[in-house]
Amino acid sequence: INWRGEKTYYADSVKGRFSISRDNAKNTLYLQMNSLKPEDTAVYCC
């Protein structure tokens, strides 16, 4: 996600299921993950 949040980029494997967003007032980045699959199992880092 870019600094302002209006541009987002996704790997093909998660597009349509995951959503990245940010709240700059809270200094926080988010990753909403829906329709999770066993192959999504991993350690996730920002």
All heavy atoms as atom14 arrays in JSON, in Angstrom:
{
  "sequence": "INWRGEKTYYADSVKGRFSISRDNAKNTLYLQMNSLKPEDTAVYCC",
  "atom14_mask": [
    [1, 1, 1, 1, 1, 1, 1, 1, 0, 0, 0, 0, 0, 0],
    [1, 1, 1, 1, 1, 1, 1, 1, 0, 0, 0, 0, 0, 0],
    [1, 1, 1, 1, 1, 1, 1, 1, 1, 1, 1, 1, 1, 1],
    [1, 1, 1, 1, 1, 1, 1, 1, 1, 1, 1, 0, 0, 0],
    [1, 1, 1, 1, 0, 0, 0, 0, 0, 0, 0, 0, 0, 0],
    [1, 1, 1, 1, 1, 1, 1, 1, 1, 0, 0, 0, 0, 0],
    [1, 1, 1, 1, 1, 1, 1, 1, 1, 0, 0, 0, 0, 0],
    [1, 1, 1, 1, 1, 1, 1, 0, 0, 0, 0, 0, 0, 0],
    [1, 1, 1, 1, 1, 1, 1, 1, 1, 1, 1, 1, 0, 0],
    [1, 1, 1, 1, 1, 1, 1, 1, 1, 1, 1, 1, 0, 0],
    [1, 1, 1, 1, 1, 0, 0, 0, 0, 0, 0, 0, 0, 0],
    [1, 1, 1, 1, 1, 1, 1, 1, 0, 0, 0, 0, 0, 0],
    [1, 1, 1, 1, 1, 1, 0, 0, 0, 0, 0, 0, 0, 0],
    [1, 1, 1, 1, 1, 1, 1, 0, 0, 0, 0, 0, 0, 0],
    [1, 1, 1, 1, 1, 1, 1, 1, 1, 0, 0, 0, 0, 0],
    [1, 1, 1, 1, 0, 0, 0, 0, 0, 0, 0, 0, 0, 0],
    [1, 1, 1, 1, 1, 1, 1, 1, 1, 1, 1, 0, 0, 0],
    [1, 1, 1, 1, 1, 1, 1, 1, 1, 1, 1, 0, 0, 0],
    [1, 1, 1, 1, 1, 1, 0, 0, 0, 0, 0, 0, 0, 0],
    [1, 1, 1, 1, 1, 1, 1, 1, 0, 0, 0, 0, 0, 0],
    [1, 1, 1, 1, 1, 1, 0, 0, 0, 0, 0, 0, 0, 0],
    [1, 1, 1, 1, 1, 1, 1, 1, 1, 1, 1, 0, 0, 0],
    [1, 1, 1, 1, 1, 1, 1, 1, 0, 0, 0, 0, 0, 0],
    [1, 1, 1, 1, 1, 1, 1, 1, 0, 0, 0, 0, 0, 0],
    [1, 1, 1, 1, 1, 0, 0, 0, 0, 0, 0, 0, 0, 0],
    [1, 1, 1, 1, 1, 1, 1, 1, 1, 0, 0, 0, 0, 0],
    [1, 1, 1, 1, 1, 1, 1, 1, 0, 0, 0, 0, 0, 0],
    [1, 1, 1, 1, 1, 1, 1, 0, 0, 0, 0, 0, 0, 0],
    [1, 1, 1, 1, 1, 1, 1, 1, 0, 0, 0, 0, 0, 0],
    [1, 1, 1, 1, 1, 1, 1, 1, 1, 1, 1, 1, 0, 0],
    [1, 1, 1, 1, 1, 1, 1, 1, 0, 0, 0, 0, 0, 0],
    [1, 1, 1, 1, 1, 1, 1, 1, 1, 0, 0, 0, 0, 0],
    [1, 1, 1, 1, 1, 1, 1, 1, 0, 0, 0, 0, 0, 0],
    [1, 1, 1, 1, 1, 1, 1, 1, 0, 0, 0, 0, 0, 0],
    [1, 1, 1, 1, 1, 1, 0, 0, 0, 0, 0, 0, 0, 0],
    [1, 1, 1, 1, 1, 1, 1, 1, 0, 0, 0, 0, 0, 0],
    [1, 1, 1, 1, 1, 1, 1, 1, 1, 0, 0, 0, 0, 0],
    [1, 1, 1, 1, 1, 1, 1, 0, 0, 0, 0, 0, 0, 0],
    [1, 1, 1, 1, 1, 1, 1, 1, 1, 0, 0, 0, 0, 0],
    [1, 1, 1, 1, 1, 1, 1, 1, 0, 0, 0, 0, 0, 0],
    [1, 1, 1, 1, 1, 1, 1, 0, 0, 0, 0, 0, 0, 0],
    [1, 1, 1, 1, 1, 0, 0, 0, 0, 0, 0, 0, 0, 0],
    [1, 1, 1, 1, 1, 1, 1, 0, 0, 0, 0, 0, 0, 0],
    [1, 1, 1, 1, 1, 1, 1, 1, 1, 1, 1, 1, 0, 0],
    [1, 1, 1, 1, 1, 1, 0, 0, 0, 0, 0, 0, 0, 0],
    [1, 1, 1, 1, 1, 1, 0, 0, 0, 0, 0, 0, 0, 0]
  ],
  "atom14_positions": [
    [[0.84, -1.18, 0.0], [0.0, 0.0, 0.0], [0.88, 1.24, 0.0], [1.94, 1.26, 0.63], [-0.96, -0.02, 1.21], [-2.01, 1.09, 1.11], [-0.18, 0.07, 2.52], [-3.15, 0.91, 2.13], [0.0, 0.0, 0.0], [0.0, 0.0, 0.0], [0.0, 0.0, 0.0], [0.0, 0.0, 0.0], [0.0, 0.0, 0.0], [0.0, 0.0, 0.0]],
    [[0.48, 2.27, -0.73], [1.29, 3.48, -0.77], [1.04, 4.32, 0.48], [0.22, 3.99, 1.33], [1.02, 4.27, -2.06], [-0.27, 5.07, -2.02], [-1.24, 4.68, -1.38], [-0.28, 6.21, -2.7], [0.0, 0.0, 0.0], [0.0, 0.0, 0.0], [0.0, 0.0, 0.0], [0.0, 0.0, 0.0], [0.0, 0.0, 0.0], [0.0, 0.0, 0.0]],
    [[1.76, 5.43, 0.57], [1.75, 6.21, 1.81], [0.39, 6.78, 2.16], [0.05, 6.91, 3.34], [2.8, 7.33, 1.73], [2.47, 8.42, 0.75], [2.72, 8.44, -0.59], [1.82, 9.67, 1.06], [2.28, 9.61, -1.14], [1.73, 10.39, -0.16], [1.33, 10.25, 2.22], [1.14, 11.66, -0.24], [0.75, 11.51, 2.15], [0.67, 12.2, 0.93]],
    [[-0.39, 7.14, 1.14], [-1.69, 7.73, 1.39], [-2.78, 6.67, 1.56], [-3.8, 6.92, 2.22], [-2.05, 8.68, 0.25], [-3.26, 9.55, 0.51], [-3.45, 10.55, -0.61], [-2.38, 11.54, -0.64], [-2.24, 12.46, -1.58], [-3.09, 12.51, -2.59], [-1.23, 13.32, -1.51], [0.0, 0.0, 0.0], [0.0, 0.0, 0.0], [0.0, 0.0, 0.0]],
    [[-2.59, 5.5, 0.95], [-3.53, 4.41, 1.09], [-4.46, 4.2, -0.08], [-5.24, 3.24, -0.07], [0.0, 0.0, 0.0], [0.0, 0.0, 0.0], [0.0, 0.0, 0.0], [0.0, 0.0, 0.0], [0.0, 0.0, 0.0], [0.0, 0.0, 0.0], [0.0, 0.0, 0.0], [0.0, 0.0, 0.0], [0.0, 0.0, 0.0], [0.0, 0.0, 0.0]],
    [[-4.39, 5.05, -1.09], [-5.32, 4.93, -2.2], [-4.85, 3.95, -3.27], [-5.64, 3.57, -4.14], [-5.59, 6.3, -2.83], [-4.57, 6.77, -3.86], [-3.38, 7.47, -3.25], [-3.08, 7.22, -2.06], [-2.74, 8.27, -3.96], [0.0, 0.0, 0.0], [0.0, 0.0, 0.0], [0.0, 0.0, 0.0], [0.0, 0.0, 0.0], [0.0, 0.0, 0.0]],
    [[-3.58, 3.53, -3.21], [-3.05, 2.55, -4.15], [-2.66, 1.3, -3.39], [-1.9, 1.36, -2.42], [-1.85, 3.11, -4.91], [-2.2, 4.25, -5.86], [-1.0, 4.68, -6.67], [-1.35, 5.82, -7.61], [-2.33, 5.39, -8.64], [0.0, 0.0, 0.0], [0.0, 0.0, 0.0], [0.0, 0.0, 0.0], [0.0, 0.0, 0.0], [0.0, 0.0, 0.0]],
    [[-3.17, 0.17, -3.86], [-2.87, -1.11, -3.22], [-2.4, -2.12, -4.26], [-2.72, -2.01, -5.44], [-4.1, -1.67, -2.48], [-5.19, -1.8, -3.4], [-4.5, -0.74, -1.35], [0.0, 0.0, 0.0], [0.0, 0.0, 0.0], [0.0, 0.0, 0.0], [0.0, 0.0, 0.0], [0.0, 0.0, 0.0], [0.0, 0.0, 0.0], [0.0, 0.0, 0.0]],
    [[-1.65, -3.11, -3.8], [-1.05, -4.11, -4.66], [-1.18, -5.47, -3.98], [-1.0, -5.59, -2.77], [0.44, -3.79, -4.91], [0.69, -2.35, -5.28], [0.91, -1.39, -4.3], [0.71, -1.95, -6.61], [1.14, -0.07, -4.63], [0.94, -0.62, -6.95], [1.16, 0.31, -5.96], [1.38, 1.63, -6.3], [0.0, 0.0, 0.0], [0.0, 0.0, 0.0]],
    [[-1.47, -6.51, -4.78], [-1.7, -7.83, -4.22], [-1.03, -8.91, -5.05], [-0.96, -8.82, -6.27], [-3.2, -8.14, -4.15], [-3.98, -7.22, -3.25], [-4.64, -6.11, -3.76], [-4.05, -7.46, -1.88], [-5.35, -5.26, -2.93], [-4.76, -6.61, -1.05], [-5.4, -5.52, -1.58], [-6.11, -4.68, -0.75], [0.0, 0.0, 0.0], [0.0, 0.0, 0.0]],
    [[-0.56, -9.93, -4.36], [-0.14, -11.15, -5.04], [-1.36, -11.83, -5.64], [-2.46, -11.77, -5.09], [0.57, -12.09, -4.07], [0.0, 0.0, 0.0], [0.0, 0.0, 0.0], [0.0, 0.0, 0.0], [0.0, 0.0, 0.0], [0.0, 0.0, 0.0], [0.0, 0.0, 0.0], [0.0, 0.0, 0.0], [0.0, 0.0, 0.0], [0.0, 0.0, 0.0]],
    [[-1.16, -12.48, -6.79], [-2.28, -13.15, -7.45], [-2.94, -14.19, -6.54], [-4.14, -14.43, -6.63], [-1.81, -13.81, -8.74], [-1.48, -12.81, -9.83], [-1.93, -11.65, -9.73], [-0.79, -13.19, -10.79], [0.0, 0.0, 0.0], [0.0, 0.0, 0.0], [0.0, 0.0, 0.0], [0.0, 0.0, 0.0], [0.0, 0.0, 0.0], [0.0, 0.0, 0.0]],
    [[-2.15, -14.8, -5.67], [-2.66, -15.87, -4.83], [-3.66, -15.39, -3.78], [-4.41, -16.2, -3.24], [-1.5, -16.6, -4.15], [-0.74, -15.7, -3.36], [0.0, 0.0, 0.0], [0.0, 0.0, 0.0], [0.0, 0.0, 0.0], [0.0, 0.0, 0.0], [0.0, 0.0, 0.0], [0.0, 0.0, 0.0], [0.0, 0.0, 0.0], [0.0, 0.0, 0.0]],
    [[-3.66, -14.09, -3.48], [-4.55, -13.57, -2.44], [-5.53, -12.54, -2.95], [-6.44, -12.13, -2.21], [-3.74, -12.97, -1.27], [-2.74, -13.98, -0.73], [-3.05, -11.68, -1.68], [0.0, 0.0, 0.0], [0.0, 0.0, 0.0], [0.0, 0.0, 0.0], [0.0, 0.0, 0.0], [0.0, 0.0, 0.0], [0.0, 0.0, 0.0], [0.0, 0.0, 0.0]],
    [[-5.39, -12.11, -4.19], [-6.26, -11.07, -4.73], [-7.72, -11.53, -4.7], [-8.04, -12.64, -5.1], [-5.84, -10.72, -6.15], [-6.5, -9.47, -6.7], [-5.9, -9.05, -8.03], [-6.48, -7.74, -8.52], [-5.87, -7.32, -9.8], [0.0, 0.0, 0.0], [0.0, 0.0, 0.0], [0.0, 0.0, 0.0], [0.0, 0.0, 0.0], [0.0, 0.0, 0.0]],
    [[-8.58, -10.66, -4.2], [-9.98, -10.98, -4.07], [-10.34, -11.55, -2.72], [-11.53, -11.6, -2.38], [0.0, 0.0, 0.0], [0.0, 0.0, 0.0], [0.0, 0.0, 0.0], [0.0, 0.0, 0.0], [0.0, 0.0, 0.0], [0.0, 0.0, 0.0], [0.0, 0.0, 0.0], [0.0, 0.0, 0.0], [0.0, 0.0, 0.0], [0.0, 0.0, 0.0]],
    [[-9.35, -11.99, -1.96], [-9.58, -12.56, -0.64], [-9.01, -11.69, 0.48], [-9.59, -11.6, 1.56], [-8.98, -13.96, -0.54], [-9.56, -14.96, -1.53], [-9.06, -16.37, -1.25], [-7.6, -16.48, -1.39], [-6.78, -16.84, -0.4], [-7.26, -17.16, 0.79], [-5.47, -16.93, -0.62], [0.0, 0.0, 0.0], [0.0, 0.0, 0.0], [0.0, 0.0, 0.0]],
    [[-7.87, -11.08, 0.23], [-7.2, -10.25, 1.23], [-7.37, -8.78, 0.88], [-7.48, -8.41, -0.3], [-5.7, -10.56, 1.3], [-5.35, -11.91, 1.86], [-6.31, -12.88, 2.09], [-4.04, -12.21, 2.17], [-5.99, -14.12, 2.6], [-3.69, -13.45, 2.68], [-4.66, -14.4, 2.9], [0.0, 0.0, 0.0], [0.0, 0.0, 0.0], [0.0, 0.0, 0.0]],
    [[-7.33, -7.93, 1.89], [-7.43, -6.49, 1.7], [-6.47, -5.78, 2.64], [-6.52, -5.99, 3.86], [-8.86, -6.02, 1.95], [-8.97, -4.63, 1.78], [0.0, 0.0, 0.0], [0.0, 0.0, 0.0], [0.0, 0.0, 0.0], [0.0, 0.0, 0.0], [0.0, 0.0, 0.0], [0.0, 0.0, 0.0], [0.0, 0.0, 0.0], [0.0, 0.0, 0.0]],
    [[-5.6, -4.95, 2.08], [-4.65, -4.19, 2.87], [-5.2, -2.77, 3.06], [-5.79, -2.19, 2.15], [-3.25, -4.17, 2.22], [-2.22, -3.52, 3.14], [-3.29, -3.47, 0.86], [-0.78, -3.65, 2.63], [0.0, 0.0, 0.0], [0.0, 0.0, 0.0], [0.0, 0.0, 0.0], [0.0, 0.0, 0.0], [0.0, 0.0, 0.0], [0.0, 0.0, 0.0]],
    [[-4.99, -2.22, 4.24], [-5.43, -0.87, 4.52], [-4.54, -0.27, 5.6], [-3.71, -0.98, 6.2], [-6.9, -0.84, 4.96], [-7.09, -1.58, 6.15], [0.0, 0.0, 0.0], [0.0, 0.0, 0.0], [0.0, 0.0, 0.0], [0.0, 0.0, 0.0], [0.0, 0.0, 0.0], [0.0, 0.0, 0.0], [0.0, 0.0, 0.0], [0.0, 0.0, 0.0]],
    [[-4.7, 1.01, 5.85], [-3.9, 1.66, 6.88], [-4.67, 2.8, 7.52], [-5.57, 3.39, 6.91], [-2.57, 2.18, 6.3], [-2.72, 3.31, 5.29], [-1.41, 3.59, 4.57], [-0.37, 4.0, 5.49], [0.94, 4.01, 5.2], [1.35, 3.62, 4.0], [1.82, 4.4, 6.11], [0.0, 0.0, 0.0], [0.0, 0.0, 0.0], [0.0, 0.0, 0.0]],
    [[-4.32, 3.1, 8.75], [-4.88, 4.22, 9.48], [-3.69, 5.03, 9.97], [-3.08, 4.7, 10.99], [-5.75, 3.74, 10.64], [-6.48, 4.88, 11.32], [-6.06, 6.04, 11.2], [-7.51, 4.61, 11.98], [0.0, 0.0, 0.0], [0.0, 0.0, 0.0], [0.0, 0.0, 0.0], [0.0, 0.0, 0.0], [0.0, 0.0, 0.0], [0.0, 0.0, 0.0]],
    [[-3.34, 6.07, 9.24], [-2.16, 6.84, 9.57], [-2.3, 7.58, 10.9], [-1.3, 7.83, 11.58], [-1.84, 7.83, 8.45], [-1.29, 7.15, 7.22], [-0.79, 6.02, 7.29], [-1.35, 7.81, 6.08], [0.0, 0.0, 0.0], [0.0, 0.0, 0.0], [0.0, 0.0, 0.0], [0.0, 0.0, 0.0], [0.0, 0.0, 0.0], [0.0, 0.0, 0.0]],
    [[-3.52, 7.95, 11.27], [-3.74, 8.6, 12.55], [-3.4, 7.68, 13.71], [-3.07, 8.15, 14.8], [-5.17, 9.1, 12.66], [0.0, 0.0, 0.0], [0.0, 0.0, 0.0], [0.0, 0.0, 0.0], [0.0, 0.0, 0.0], [0.0, 0.0, 0.0], [0.0, 0.0, 0.0], [0.0, 0.0, 0.0], [0.0, 0.0, 0.0], [0.0, 0.0, 0.0]],
    [[-3.5, 6.37, 13.49], [-3.2, 5.38, 14.53], [-1.86, 4.69, 14.32], [-1.51, 3.79, 15.09], [-4.3, 4.33, 14.6], [-5.65, 4.88, 14.99], [-6.69, 3.78, 15.05], [-8.04, 4.32, 15.49], [-9.08, 3.25, 15.54], [0.0, 0.0, 0.0], [0.0, 0.0, 0.0], [0.0, 0.0, 0.0], [0.0, 0.0, 0.0], [0.0, 0.0, 0.0]],
    [[-1.12, 5.09, 13.29], [0.16, 4.45, 12.96], [0.01, 2.93, 12.83], [0.84, 2.17, 13.34], [1.21, 4.78, 14.02], [1.91, 6.1, 13.78], [1.44, 6.93, 13.0], [3.03, 6.31, 14.45], [0.0, 0.0, 0.0], [0.0, 0.0, 0.0], [0.0, 0.0, 0.0], [0.0, 0.0, 0.0], [0.0, 0.0, 0.0], [0.0, 0.0, 0.0]],
    [[-1.04, 2.5, 12.16], [-1.34, 1.08, 12.09], [-1.65, 0.64, 10.67], [-2.37, 1.33, 9.93], [-2.52, 0.72, 13.01], [-2.22, 1.13, 14.35], [-2.77, -0.77, 13.0], [0.0, 0.0, 0.0], [0.0, 0.0, 0.0], [0.0, 0.0, 0.0], [0.0, 0.0, 0.0], [0.0, 0.0, 0.0], [0.0, 0.0, 0.0], [0.0, 0.0, 0.0]],
    [[-1.1, -0.5, 10.3], [-1.34, -1.17, 9.03], [-2.18, -2.41, 9.28], [-1.99, -3.09, 10.3], [0.0, -1.55, 8.38], [-0.03, -2.35, 7.09], [-0.43, -1.45, 5.93], [1.34, -2.98, 6.85], [0.0, 0.0, 0.0], [0.0, 0.0, 0.0], [0.0, 0.0, 0.0], [0.0, 0.0, 0.0], [0.0, 0.0, 0.0], [0.0, 0.0, 0.0]],
    [[-3.07, -2.74, 8.37], [-3.96, -3.88, 8.53], [-3.9, -4.81, 7.33], [-3.6, -4.4, 6.21], [-5.42, -3.44, 8.7], [-5.64, -2.5, 9.86], [-5.73, -1.13, 9.65], [-5.78, -2.98, 11.15], [-5.95, -0.26, 10.71], [-5.99, -2.12, 12.21], [-6.08, -0.76, 11.98], [-6.29, 0.1, 13.04], [0.0, 0.0, 0.0], [0.0, 0.0, 0.0]],
    [[-4.21, -6.07, 7.57], [-4.42, -7.04, 6.52], [-5.65, -7.86, 6.87], [-5.6, -8.69, 7.78], [-3.21, -7.95, 6.33], [-3.3, -8.94, 5.17], [-3.3, -8.2, 3.83], [-2.18, -9.97, 5.22], [0.0, 0.0, 0.0], [0.0, 0.0, 0.0], [0.0, 0.0, 0.0], [0.0, 0.0, 0.0], [0.0, 0.0, 0.0], [0.0, 0.0, 0.0]],
    [[-6.74, -7.61, 6.18], [-7.96, -8.39, 6.36], [-7.88, -9.61, 5.45], [-7.73, -9.48, 4.24], [-9.19, -7.55, 6.01], [-10.51, -8.3, 6.13], [-10.84, -8.69, 7.55], [-10.74, -7.86, 8.46], [-11.23, -9.93, 7.76], [0.0, 0.0, 0.0], [0.0, 0.0, 0.0], [0.0, 0.0, 0.0], [0.0, 0.0, 0.0], [0.0, 0.0, 0.0]],
    [[-7.99, -10.79, 6.04], [-7.86, -12.04, 5.31], [-9.17, -12.8, 5.4], [-9.59, -13.2, 6.48], [-6.71, -12.88, 5.86], [-5.37, -12.15, 5.9], [-4.0, -13.21, 6.44], [-4.53, -13.56, 8.12], [0.0, 0.0, 0.0], [0.0, 0.0, 0.0], [0.0, 0.0, 0.0], [0.0, 0.0, 0.0], [0.0, 0.0, 0.0], [0.0, 0.0, 0.0]],
    [[-9.81, -13.0, 4.25], [-11.06, -13.73, 4.17], [-10.89, -14.98, 3.33], [-9.92, -15.12, 2.58], [-12.16, -12.85, 3.56], [-12.45, -11.61, 4.36], [-12.43, -11.63, 5.59], [-12.73, -10.51, 3.66], [0.0, 0.0, 0.0], [0.0, 0.0, 0.0], [0.0, 0.0, 0.0], [0.0, 0.0, 0.0], [0.0, 0.0, 0.0], [0.0, 0.0, 0.0]],
    [[-11.84, -15.9, 3.45], [-11.82, -17.15, 2.68], [-10.46, -17.83, 2.77], [-9.88, -18.24, 1.78], [-12.19, -16.87, 1.22], [-13.46, -16.28, 1.12], [0.0, 0.0, 0.0], [0.0, 0.0, 0.0], [0.0, 0.0, 0.0], [0.0, 0.0, 0.0], [0.0, 0.0, 0.0], [0.0, 0.0, 0.0], [0.0, 0.0, 0.0], [0.0, 0.0, 0.0]],
    [[-9.97, -17.96, 3.98], [-8.63, -18.5, 4.19], [-8.54, -19.96, 3.76], [-9.49, -20.72, 3.91], [-8.23, -18.35, 5.65], [-7.8, -16.94, 6.04], [-7.84, -16.76, 7.55], [-6.41, -16.65, 5.5], [0.0, 0.0, 0.0], [0.0, 0.0, 0.0], [0.0, 0.0, 0.0], [0.0, 0.0, 0.0], [0.0, 0.0, 0.0], [0.0, 0.0, 0.0]],
    [[-7.37, -20.31, 3.23], [-7.08, -21.64, 2.75], [-5.89, -22.21, 3.52], [-5.07, -21.45, 4.03], [-6.74, -21.62, 1.26], [-7.8, -20.97, 0.38], [-7.3, -20.87, -1.06], [-8.34, -20.21, -1.94], [-7.86, -20.1, -3.35], [0.0, 0.0, 0.0], [0.0, 0.0, 0.0], [0.0, 0.0, 0.0], [0.0, 0.0, 0.0], [0.0, 0.0, 0.0]],
    [[-5.78, -23.53, 3.6], [-4.61, -24.11, 4.28], [-3.28, -23.6, 3.73], [-2.33, -23.46, 4.5], [-4.79, -25.61, 4.06], [-6.27, -25.79, 3.95], [-6.76, -24.56, 3.22], [0.0, 0.0, 0.0], [0.0, 0.0, 0.0], [0.0, 0.0, 0.0], [0.0, 0.0, 0.0], [0.0, 0.0, 0.0], [0.0, 0.0, 0.0], [0.0, 0.0, 0.0]],
    [[-3.21, -23.33, 2.44], [-1.97, -22.84, 1.86], [-1.62, -21.41, 2.27], [-0.54, -20.92, 1.95], [-2.0, -22.94, 0.33], [-3.25, -22.34, -0.3], [-4.31, -23.38, -0.62], [-4.57, -24.25, 0.23], [-4.86, -23.33, -1.75], [0.0, 0.0, 0.0], [0.0, 0.0, 0.0], [0.0, 0.0, 0.0], [0.0, 0.0, 0.0], [0.0, 0.0, 0.0]],
    [[-2.52, -20.73, 2.98], [-2.22, -19.42, 3.55], [-1.43, -19.52, 4.85], [-1.0, -18.5, 5.38], [-3.5, -18.63, 3.8], [-4.24, -18.28, 2.52], [-3.59, -17.93, 1.52], [-5.49, -18.35, 2.52], [0.0, 0.0, 0.0], [0.0, 0.0, 0.0], [0.0, 0.0, 0.0], [0.0, 0.0, 0.0], [0.0, 0.0, 0.0], [0.0, 0.0, 0.0]],
    [[-1.28, -20.72, 5.37], [-0.55, -20.92, 6.62], [0.89, -20.44, 6.47], [1.61, -20.89, 5.57], [-0.58, -22.4, 7.02], [-1.92, -22.78, 7.31], [0.28, -22.63, 8.26], [0.0, 0.0, 0.0], [0.0, 0.0, 0.0], [0.0, 0.0, 0.0], [0.0, 0.0, 0.0], [0.0, 0.0, 0.0], [0.0, 0.0, 0.0], [0.0, 0.0, 0.0]],
    [[1.31, -19.54, 7.34], [2.65, -18.95, 7.26], [2.83, -17.97, 8.41], [1.88, -17.63, 9.12], [2.84, -18.22, 5.93], [0.0, 0.0, 0.0], [0.0, 0.0, 0.0], [0.0, 0.0, 0.0], [0.0, 0.0, 0.0], [0.0, 0.0, 0.0], [0.0, 0.0, 0.0], [0.0, 0.0, 0.0], [0.0, 0.0, 0.0], [0.0, 0.0, 0.0]],
    [[4.07, -17.52, 8.57], [4.36, -16.39, 9.44], [4.23, -15.13, 8.6], [4.88, -15.0, 7.57], [5.76, -16.49, 10.06], [6.09, -15.23, 10.85], [5.85, -17.71, 10.97], [0.0, 0.0, 0.0], [0.0, 0.0, 0.0], [0.0, 0.0, 0.0], [0.0, 0.0, 0.0], [0.0, 0.0, 0.0], [0.0, 0.0, 0.0], [0.0, 0.0, 0.0]],
    [[3.41, -14.21, 9.05], [3.15, -12.97, 8.32], [3.9, -11.82, 8.98], [3.8, -11.6, 10.18], [1.66, -12.66, 8.29], [0.88, -13.53, 7.33], [0.68, -14.88, 7.6], [0.37, -13.01, 6.14], [-0.02, -15.68, 6.72], [-0.33, -13.81, 5.26], [-0.52, -15.15, 5.54], [-1.23, -15.94, 4.66], [0.0, 0.0, 0.0], [0.0, 0.0, 0.0]],
    [[4.65, -11.07, 8.16], [5.43, -9.94, 8.64], [5.03, -8.67, 7.89], [4.77, -8.71, 6.69], [6.93, -10.16, 8.44], [7.63, -11.51, 9.4], [0.0, 0.0, 0.0], [0.0, 0.0, 0.0], [0.0, 0.0, 0.0], [0.0, 0.0, 0.0], [0.0, 0.0, 0.0], [0.0, 0.0, 0.0], [0.0, 0.0, 0.0], [0.0, 0.0, 0.0]],
    [[5.0, -7.57, 8.6], [4.86, -6.28, 7.93], [6.24, -5.67, 7.75], [7.18, -6.0, 8.46], [3.94, -5.33, 8.72], [4.51, -4.89, 10.37], [0.0, 0.0, 0.0], [0.0, 0.0, 0.0], [0.0, 0.0, 0.0], [0.0, 0.0, 0.0], [0.0, 0.0, 0.0], [0.0, 0.0, 0.0], [0.0, 0.0, 0.0], [0.0, 0.0, 0.0]]
  ]
}
